[in-house]
Amino acid sequence: MSQLGLAEWTMPVFGVSAILVGILLLLPRTFFIGNLLNALSVVFIMAFALRAGNYRIALIEIPFLAIPLLLIWLKYPFKN
């Protein structure tokens, strides 16, 4: 994260948000919002990597962006 030009205090913020997103994914009503927030966090990481000139990290993040979008398309798996 320091290579991306982020301050040290942002790392715990990303960690706490990842835990909250994980909790949101477990609940059927918040499944869409959890995946949306997950995709947005990946886009933010990609944007910071591109701003820092690190194209390799941005390219590595593409599959991690596809996963929440695929989960949104497949819908909540534990509904029944």
PDB file of N, CA and C in Angstrom:
ATOM      1  N   MET A   1       0.819  -1.199   0.000  1.00  0.00           N
ATOM      2  CA  MET A   1       0.000   0.000   0.000  1.00  0.00           C
ATOM      3  C   MET A   1       0.861   1.260   0.000  1.00  0.00           C
ATOM      4  N   SER A   2       2.040   1.177   0.596  1.00  0.00           N
ATOM      5  CA  SER A   2       2.903   2.361   0.614  1.00  0.00           C
ATOM      6  C   SER A   2       3.410   2.681  -0.795  1.00  0.00           C
ATOM      7  N   GLN A   3       3.528   1.673  -1.657  1.00  0.00           N
ATOM      8  CA  GLN A   3       3.937   1.910  -3.038  1.00  0.00           C
ATOM      9  C   GLN A   3       2.871   2.679  -3.815  1.00  0.00           C
ATOM     10  N   LEU A   4       1.638   2.583  -3.364  1.00  0.00           N
ATOM     11  CA  LEU A   4       0.543   3.244  -4.071  1.00  0.00           C
ATOM     12  C   LEU A   4       0.362   4.692  -3.645  1.00  0.00           C
ATOM     13  N   GLY A   5       1.141   5.128  -2.679  1.00  0.00           N
ATOM     14  CA  GLY A   5       1.053   6.511  -2.231  1.00  0.00           C
ATOM     15  C   GLY A   5      -0.016   6.735  -1.187  1.00  0.00           C
ATOM     16  N   LEU A   6      -0.437   5.688  -0.503  1.00  0.00           N
ATOM     17  CA  LEU A   6      -1.452   5.822   0.532  1.00  0.00           C
ATOM     18  C   LEU A   6      -0.801   6.020   1.891  1.00  0.00           C
ATOM     19  N   ALA A   7      -1.467   6.754   2.745  1.00  0.00           N
ATOM     20  CA  ALA A   7      -0.951   6.983   4.095  1.00  0.00           C
ATOM     21  C   ALA A   7      -1.062   5.699   4.912  1.00  0.00           C
ATOM     22  N   GLU A   8      -0.314   5.654   6.000  1.00  0.00           N
ATOM     23  CA  GLU A   8      -0.293   4.453   6.830  1.00  0.00           C
ATOM     24  C   GLU A   8      -1.631   4.203   7.516  1.00  0.00           C
ATOM     25  N   TRP A   9      -2.380   5.248   7.810  1.00  0.00           N
ATOM     26  CA  TRP A   9      -3.659   5.078   8.503  1.00  0.00           C
ATOM     27  C   TRP A   9      -4.736   4.479   7.599  1.00  0.00           C
ATOM     28  N   THR A  10      -4.526   4.458   6.288  1.00  0.00           N
ATOM     29  CA  THR A  10      -5.544   3.906   5.391  1.00  0.00           C
ATOM     30  C   THR A  10      -5.552   2.385   5.380  1.00  0.00           C
ATOM     31  N   MET A  11      -4.448   1.763   5.779  1.00  0.00           N
ATOM     32  CA  MET A  11      -4.401   0.297   5.776  1.00  0.00           C
ATOM     33  C   MET A  11      -5.397  -0.326   6.757  1.00  0.00           C
ATOM     34  N   PRO A  12      -5.487   0.153   8.005  1.00  0.00           N
ATOM     35  CA  PRO A  12      -6.535  -0.390   8.885  1.00  0.00           C
ATOM     36  C   PRO A  12      -7.949  -0.090   8.388  1.00  0.00           C
ATOM     37  N   VAL A  13      -8.114   1.036   7.708  1.00  0.00           N
ATOM     38  CA  VAL A  13      -9.436   1.377   7.170  1.00  0.00           C
ATOM     39  C   VAL A  13      -9.836   0.361   6.104  1.00  0.00           C
ATOM     40  N   PHE A  14      -8.898   0.009   5.226  1.00  0.00           N
ATOM     41  CA  PHE A  14      -9.177  -1.011   4.220  1.00  0.00           C
ATOM     42  C   PHE A  14      -9.447  -2.360   4.871  1.00  0.00           C
ATOM     43  N   GLY A  15      -8.730  -2.678   5.939  1.00  0.00           N
ATOM     44  CA  GLY A  15      -8.944  -3.946   6.638  1.00  0.00           C
ATOM     45  C   GLY A  15     -10.311  -4.033   7.283  1.00  0.00           C
ATOM     46  N   VAL A  16     -10.717  -2.980   7.975  1.00  0.00           N
ATOM     47  CA  VAL A  16     -12.029  -2.962   8.619  1.00  0.00           C
ATOM     48  C   VAL A  16     -13.136  -2.992   7.576  1.00  0.00           C
ATOM     49  N   SER A  17     -12.945  -2.256   6.479  1.00  0.00           N
ATOM     50  CA  SER A  17     -13.969  -2.272   5.430  1.00  0.00           C
ATOM     51  C   SER A  17     -14.073  -3.652   4.785  1.00  0.00           C
ATOM     52  N   ALA A  18     -12.963  -4.359   4.654  1.00  0.00           N
ATOM     53  CA  ALA A  18     -13.005  -5.715   4.087  1.00  0.00           C
ATOM     54  C   ALA A  18     -13.765  -6.666   5.005  1.00  0.00           C
ATOM     55  N   ILE A  19     -13.593  -6.516   6.303  1.00  0.00           N
ATOM     56  CA  ILE A  19     -14.336  -7.348   7.255  1.00  0.00           C
ATOM     57  C   ILE A  19     -15.821  -7.036   7.191  1.00  0.00           C
ATOM     58  N   LEU A  20     -16.167  -5.755   7.113  1.00  0.00           N
ATOM     59  CA  LEU A  20     -17.579  -5.370   7.011  1.00  0.00           C
ATOM     60  C   LEU A  20     -18.204  -5.868   5.708  1.00  0.00           C
ATOM     61  N   VAL A  21     -17.458  -5.807   4.623  1.00  0.00           N
ATOM     62  CA  VAL A  21     -17.961  -6.322   3.346  1.00  0.00           C
ATOM     63  C   VAL A  21     -18.196  -7.820   3.443  1.00  0.00           C
ATOM     64  N   GLY A  22     -17.290  -8.532   4.109  1.00  0.00           N
ATOM     65  CA  GLY A  22     -17.466  -9.971   4.304  1.00  0.00           C
ATOM     66  C   GLY A  22     -18.723 -10.298   5.085  1.00  0.00           C
ATOM     67  N   ILE A  23     -19.034  -9.490   6.085  1.00  0.00           N
ATOM     68  CA  ILE A  23     -20.268  -9.692   6.858  1.00  0.00           C
ATOM     69  C   ILE A  23     -21.486  -9.381   6.001  1.00  0.00           C
ATOM     70  N   LEU A  24     -21.398  -8.335   5.193  1.00  0.00           N
ATOM     71  CA  LEU A  24     -22.522  -7.989   4.318  1.00  0.00           C
ATOM     72  C   LEU A  24     -22.798  -9.082   3.293  1.00  0.00           C
ATOM     73  N   LEU A  25     -21.770  -9.799   2.866  1.00  0.00           N
ATOM     74  CA  LEU A  25     -21.957 -10.856   1.867  1.00  0.00           C
ATOM     75  C   LEU A  25     -22.712 -12.055   2.428  1.00  0.00           C
ATOM     76  N   LEU A  26     -22.689 -12.227   3.731  1.00  0.00           N
ATOM     77  CA  LEU A  26     -23.376 -13.368   4.338  1.00  0.00           C
ATOM     78  C   LEU A  26     -24.890 -13.191   4.391  1.00  0.00           C
ATOM     79  N   LEU A  27     -25.340 -11.968   4.396  1.00  0.00           N
ATOM     80  CA  LEU A  27     -26.774 -11.686   4.527  1.00  0.00           C
ATOM     81  C   LEU A  27     -27.412 -11.498   3.152  1.00  0.00           C
ATOM     82  N   PRO A  28     -28.562 -12.148   2.914  1.00  0.00           N
ATOM     83  CA  PRO A  28     -29.181 -12.041   1.577  1.00  0.00           C
ATOM     84  C   PRO A  28     -29.590 -10.622   1.198  1.00  0.00           C
ATOM     85  N   ARG A  29     -30.046  -9.834   2.163  1.00  0.00           N
ATOM     86  CA  ARG A  29     -30.513  -8.483   1.842  1.00  0.00           C
ATOM     87  C   ARG A  29     -29.379  -7.529   1.481  1.00  0.00           C
ATOM     88  N   THR A  30     -28.195  -7.787   1.998  1.00  0.00           N
ATOM     89  CA  THR A  30     -27.064  -6.891   1.758  1.00  0.00           C
ATOM     90  C   THR A  30     -26.016  -7.502   0.830  1.00  0.00           C
ATOM     91  N   PHE A  31     -26.356  -8.599   0.167  1.00  0.00           N
ATOM     92  CA  PHE A  31     -25.417  -9.286  -0.712  1.00  0.00           C
ATOM     93  C   PHE A  31     -24.982  -8.387  -1.872  1.00  0.00           C
ATOM     94  N   PHE A  32     -25.920  -7.707  -2.486  1.00  0.00           N
ATOM     95  CA  PHE A  32     -25.609  -6.823  -3.612  1.00  0.00           C
ATOM     96  C   PHE A  32     -24.725  -5.666  -3.177  1.00  0.00           C
ATOM     97  N   ILE A  33     -25.067  -5.035  -2.062  1.00  0.00           N
ATOM     98  CA  ILE A  33     -24.300  -3.890  -1.571  1.00  0.00           C
ATOM     99  C   ILE A  33     -22.891  -4.324  -1.169  1.00  0.00           C
ATOM    100  N   GLY A  34     -22.773  -5.502  -0.545  1.00  0.00           N
ATOM    101  CA  GLY A  34     -21.466  -6.009  -0.171  1.00  0.00           C
ATOM    102  C   GLY A  34     -20.575  -6.245  -1.380  1.00  0.00           C
ATOM    103  N   ASN A  35     -21.131  -6.835  -2.419  1.00  0.00           N
ATOM    104  CA  ASN A  35     -20.363  -7.060  -3.649  1.00  0.00           C
ATOM    105  C   ASN A  35     -20.030  -5.742  -4.347  1.00  0.00           C
ATOM    106  N   LEU A  36     -20.944  -4.811  -4.303  1.00  0.00           N
ATOM    107  CA  LEU A  36     -20.693  -3.505  -4.900  1.00  0.00           C
ATOM    108  C   LEU A  36     -19.557  -2.787  -4.174  1.00  0.00           C
ATOM    109  N   LEU A  37     -19.565  -2.830  -2.850  1.00  0.00           N
ATOM    110  CA  LEU A  37     -18.487  -2.209  -2.084  1.00  0.00           C
ATOM    111  C   LEU A  37     -17.154  -2.927  -2.312  1.00  0.00           C
ATOM    112  N   ASN A  38     -17.205  -4.237  -2.461  1.00  0.00           N
ATOM    113  CA  ASN A  38     -15.998  -5.001  -2.752  1.00  0.00           C
ATOM    114  C   ASN A  38     -15.424  -4.599  -4.112  1.00  0.00           C
ATOM    115  N   ALA A  39     -16.284  -4.482  -5.107  1.00  0.00           N
ATOM    116  CA  ALA A  39     -15.833  -4.066  -6.436  1.00  0.00           C
ATOM    117  C   ALA A  39     -15.277  -2.639  -6.396  1.00  0.00           C
ATOM    118  N   LEU A  40     -15.909  -1.763  -5.632  1.00  0.00           N
ATOM    119  CA  LEU A  40     -15.418  -0.389  -5.532  1.00  0.00           C
ATOM    120  C   LEU A  40     -14.056  -0.325  -4.859  1.00  0.00           C
ATOM    121  N   SER A  41     -13.838  -1.155  -3.856  1.00  0.00           N
ATOM    122  CA  SER A  41     -12.527  -1.148  -3.202  1.00  0.00           C
ATOM    123  C   SER A  41     -11.447  -1.630  -4.162  1.00  0.00           C
ATOM    124  N   VAL A  42     -11.763  -2.604  -5.008  1.00  0.00           N
ATOM    125  CA  VAL A  42     -10.794  -3.069  -6.001  1.00  0.00           C
ATOM    126  C   VAL A  42     -10.525  -1.972  -7.026  1.00  0.00           C
ATOM    127  N   VAL A  43     -11.563  -1.247  -7.420  1.00  0.00           N
ATOM    128  CA  VAL A  43     -11.383  -0.149  -8.380  1.00  0.00           C
ATOM    129  C   VAL A  43     -10.523   0.949  -7.764  1.00  0.00           C
ATOM    130  N   PHE A  44     -10.715   1.240  -6.478  1.00  0.00           N
ATOM    131  CA  PHE A  44      -9.883   2.241  -5.811  1.00  0.00           C
ATOM    132  C   PHE A  44      -8.422   1.810  -5.782  1.00  0.00           C
ATOM    133  N   ILE A  45      -8.171   0.544  -5.482  1.00  0.00           N
ATOM    134  CA  ILE A  45      -6.798   0.045  -5.473  1.00  0.00           C
ATOM    135  C   ILE A  45      -6.191   0.145  -6.872  1.00  0.00           C
ATOM    136  N   MET A  46      -6.992  -0.187  -7.888  1.00  0.00           N
ATOM    137  CA  MET A  46      -6.500  -0.074  -9.255  1.00  0.00           C
ATOM    138  C   MET A  46      -6.207   1.385  -9.613  1.00  0.00           C
ATOM    139  N   ALA A  47      -7.061   2.286  -9.189  1.00  0.00           N
ATOM    140  CA  ALA A  47      -6.853   3.704  -9.492  1.00  0.00           C
ATOM    141  C   ALA A  47      -5.602   4.238  -8.799  1.00  0.00           C
ATOM    142  N   PHE A  48      -5.390   3.867  -7.543  1.00  0.00           N
ATOM    143  CA  PHE A  48      -4.182   4.305  -6.843  1.00  0.00           C
ATOM    144  C   PHE A  48      -2.931   3.711  -7.482  1.00  0.00           C
ATOM    145  N   ALA A  49      -3.021   2.461  -7.948  1.00  0.00           N
ATOM    146  CA  ALA A  49      -1.876   1.833  -8.599  1.00  0.00           C
ATOM    147  C   ALA A  49      -1.558   2.544  -9.917  1.00  0.00           C
ATOM    148  N   LEU A  50      -2.571   2.881 -10.677  1.00  0.00           N
ATOM    149  CA  LEU A  50      -2.339   3.592 -11.939  1.00  0.00           C
ATOM    150  C   LEU A  50      -1.795   4.989 -11.693  1.00  0.00           C
ATOM    151  N   ARG A  51      -2.279   5.640 -10.633  1.00  0.00           N
ATOM    152  CA  ARG A  51      -1.783   6.975 -10.309  1.00  0.00           C
ATOM    153  C   ARG A  51      -0.311   6.932  -9.898  1.00  0.00           C
ATOM    154  N   ALA A  52       0.078   5.835  -9.224  1.00  0.00           N
ATOM    155  CA  ALA A  52       1.467   5.669  -8.807  1.00  0.00           C
ATOM    156  C   ALA A  52       2.344   5.161  -9.949  1.00  0.00           C
ATOM    157  N   GLY A  53       1.743   4.805 -11.078  1.00  0.00           N
ATOM    158  CA  GLY A  53       2.504   4.320 -12.219  1.00  0.00           C
ATOM    159  C   GLY A  53       2.822   2.836 -12.150  1.00  0.00           C
ATOM    160  N   ASN A  54       2.150   2.113 -11.271  1.00  0.00           N
ATOM    161  CA  ASN A  54       2.392   0.679 -11.113  1.00  0.00           C
ATOM    162  C   ASN A  54       1.310  -0.079 -11.878  1.00  0.00           C
ATOM    163  N   TYR A  55       1.559  -0.330 -13.143  1.00  0.00           N
ATOM    164  CA  TYR A  55       0.569  -0.972 -14.001  1.00  0.00           C
ATOM    165  C   TYR A  55       0.421  -2.461 -13.690  1.00  0.00           C
ATOM    166  N   ARG A  56       1.452  -3.042 -13.139  1.00  0.00           N
ATOM    167  CA  ARG A  56       1.410  -4.475 -12.819  1.00  0.00           C
ATOM    168  C   ARG A  56       0.343  -4.767 -11.761  1.00  0.00           C
ATOM    169  N   ILE A  57       0.280  -3.956 -10.714  1.00  0.00           N
ATOM    170  CA  ILE A  57      -0.735  -4.157  -9.675  1.00  0.00           C
ATOM    171  C   ILE A  57      -2.127  -3.957 -10.258  1.00  0.00           C
ATOM    172  N   ALA A  58      -2.286  -2.960 -11.109  1.00  0.00           N
ATOM    173  CA  ALA A  58      -3.595  -2.707 -11.714  1.00  0.00           C
ATOM    174  C   ALA A  58      -4.044  -3.891 -12.562  1.00  0.00           C
ATOM    175  N   LEU A  59      -3.129  -4.498 -13.284  1.00  0.00           N
ATOM    176  CA  LEU A  59      -3.483  -5.659 -14.102  1.00  0.00           C
ATOM    177  C   LEU A  59      -3.772  -6.891 -13.243  1.00  0.00           C
ATOM    178  N   ILE A  60      -3.064  -7.029 -12.142  1.00  0.00           N
ATOM    179  CA  ILE A  60      -3.306  -8.160 -11.243  1.00  0.00           C
ATOM    180  C   ILE A  60      -4.691  -8.055 -10.601  1.00  0.00           C
ATOM    181  N   GLU A  61      -5.190  -6.857 -10.405  1.00  0.00           N
ATOM    182  CA  GLU A  61      -6.472  -6.652  -9.737  1.00  0.00           C
ATOM    183  C   GLU A  61      -7.679  -6.931 -10.634  1.00  0.00           C
ATOM    184  N   ILE A  62      -7.492  -7.104 -11.924  1.00  0.00           N
ATOM    185  CA  ILE A  62      -8.619  -7.320 -12.839  1.00  0.00           C
ATOM    186  C   ILE A  62      -9.432  -8.565 -12.481  1.00  0.00           C
ATOM    187  N   PRO A  63      -8.821  -9.733 -12.203  1.00  0.00           N
ATOM    188  CA  PRO A  63      -9.647 -10.886 -11.809  1.00  0.00           C
ATOM    189  C   PRO A  63     -10.385 -10.660 -10.485  1.00  0.00           C
ATOM    190  N   PHE A  64      -9.760  -9.893  -9.580  1.00  0.00           N
ATOM    191  CA  PHE A  64     -10.417  -9.610  -8.313  1.00  0.00           C
ATOM    192  C   PHE A  64     -11.589  -8.649  -8.488  1.00  0.00           C
ATOM    193  N   LEU A  65     -11.602  -7.897  -9.551  1.00  0.00           N
ATOM    194  CA  LEU A  65     -12.751  -7.068  -9.899  1.00  0.00           C
ATOM    195  C   LEU A  65     -13.847  -7.909 -10.537  1.00  0.00           C
ATOM    196  N   ALA A  66     -13.458  -8.918 -11.298  1.00  0.00           N
ATOM    197  CA  ALA A  66     -14.445  -9.759 -11.977  1.00  0.00           C
ATOM    198  C   ALA A  66     -15.224 -10.638 -11.001  1.00  0.00           C
ATOM    199  N   ILE A  67     -14.612 -11.029  -9.890  1.00  0.00           N
ATOM    200  CA  ILE A  67     -15.275 -11.934  -8.941  1.00  0.00           C
ATOM    201  C   ILE A  67     -16.537 -11.318  -8.341  1.00  0.00           C
ATOM    202  N   PRO A  68     -16.510 -10.106  -7.753  1.00  0.00           N
ATOM    203  CA  PRO A  68     -17.771  -9.569  -7.214  1.00  0.00           C
ATOM    204  C   PRO A  68     -18.806  -9.282  -8.291  1.00  0.00           C
ATOM    205  N   LEU A  69     -18.350  -8.894  -9.482  1.00  0.00           N
ATOM    206  CA  LEU A  69     -19.311  -8.649 -10.560  1.00  0.00           C
ATOM    207  C   LEU A  69     -19.982  -9.948 -10.994  1.00  0.00           C
ATOM    208  N   LEU A  70     -19.218 -11.036 -11.026  1.00  0.00           N
ATOM    209  CA  LEU A  70     -19.789 -12.348 -11.337  1.00  0.00           C
ATOM    210  C   LEU A  70     -20.757 -12.790 -10.241  1.00  0.00           C
ATOM    211  N   LEU A  71     -20.416 -12.538  -8.997  1.00  0.00           N
ATOM    212  CA  LEU A  71     -21.311 -12.902  -7.892  1.00  0.00           C
ATOM    213  C   LEU A  71     -22.608 -12.101  -7.922  1.00  0.00           C
ATOM    214  N   ILE A  72     -22.534 -10.846  -8.323  1.00  0.00           N
ATOM    215  CA  ILE A  72     -23.760 -10.050  -8.470  1.00  0.00           C
ATOM    216  C   ILE A  72     -24.633 -10.664  -9.556  1.00  0.00           C
ATOM    217  N   TRP A  73     -24.023 -11.072 -10.650  1.00  0.00           N
ATOM    218  CA  TRP A  73     -24.775 -11.658 -11.752  1.00  0.00           C
ATOM    219  C   TRP A  73     -25.397 -12.994 -11.351  1.00  0.00           C
ATOM    220  N   LEU A  74     -24.700 -13.804 -10.550  1.00  0.00           N
ATOM    221  CA  LEU A  74     -25.211 -15.115 -10.150  1.00  0.00           C
ATOM    222  C   LEU A  74     -26.255 -15.045  -9.036  1.00  0.00           C
ATOM    223  N   LYS A  75     -26.328 -13.933  -8.331  1.00  0.00           N
ATOM    224  CA  LYS A  75     -27.264 -13.693  -7.226  1.00  0.00           C
ATOM    225  C   LYS A  75     -26.849 -14.467  -5.970  1.00  0.00           C
ATOM    226  N   TYR A  76     -27.590 -14.295  -4.896  1.00  0.00           N
ATOM    227  CA  TYR A  76     -27.253 -14.875  -3.603  1.00  0.00           C
ATOM    228  C   TYR A  76     -27.392 -16.406  -3.655  1.00  0.00           C
ATOM    229  N   PRO A  77     -26.341 -17.164  -3.301  1.00  0.00           N
ATOM    230  CA  PRO A  77     -26.388 -18.616  -3.496  1.00  0.00           C
ATOM    231  C   PRO A  77     -27.149 -19.385  -2.420  1.00  0.00           C
ATOM    232  N   PHE A  78     -27.341 -18.834  -1.231  1.00  0.00           N
ATOM    233  CA  PHE A  78     -27.932 -19.596  -0.127  1.00  0.00           C
ATOM    234  C   PHE A  78     -29.365 -19.167   0.157  1.00  0.00           C
ATOM    235  N   LYS A  79     -30.106 -18.773  -0.858  1.00  0.00           N
ATOM    236  CA  LYS A  79     -31.460 -18.277  -0.647  1.00  0.00           C
ATOM    237  C   LYS A  79     -32.426 -19.375  -0.245  1.00  0.00           C
ATOM    238  N   ASN A  80     -32.273 -20.544  -0.789  1.00  0.00           N
ATOM    239  CA  ASN A  80     -33.223 -21.647  -0.477  1.00  0.00           C
ATOM    240  C   ASN A  80     -32.816 -22.395   0.756  1.00  0.00           C
TER     241      ASN A  80
END
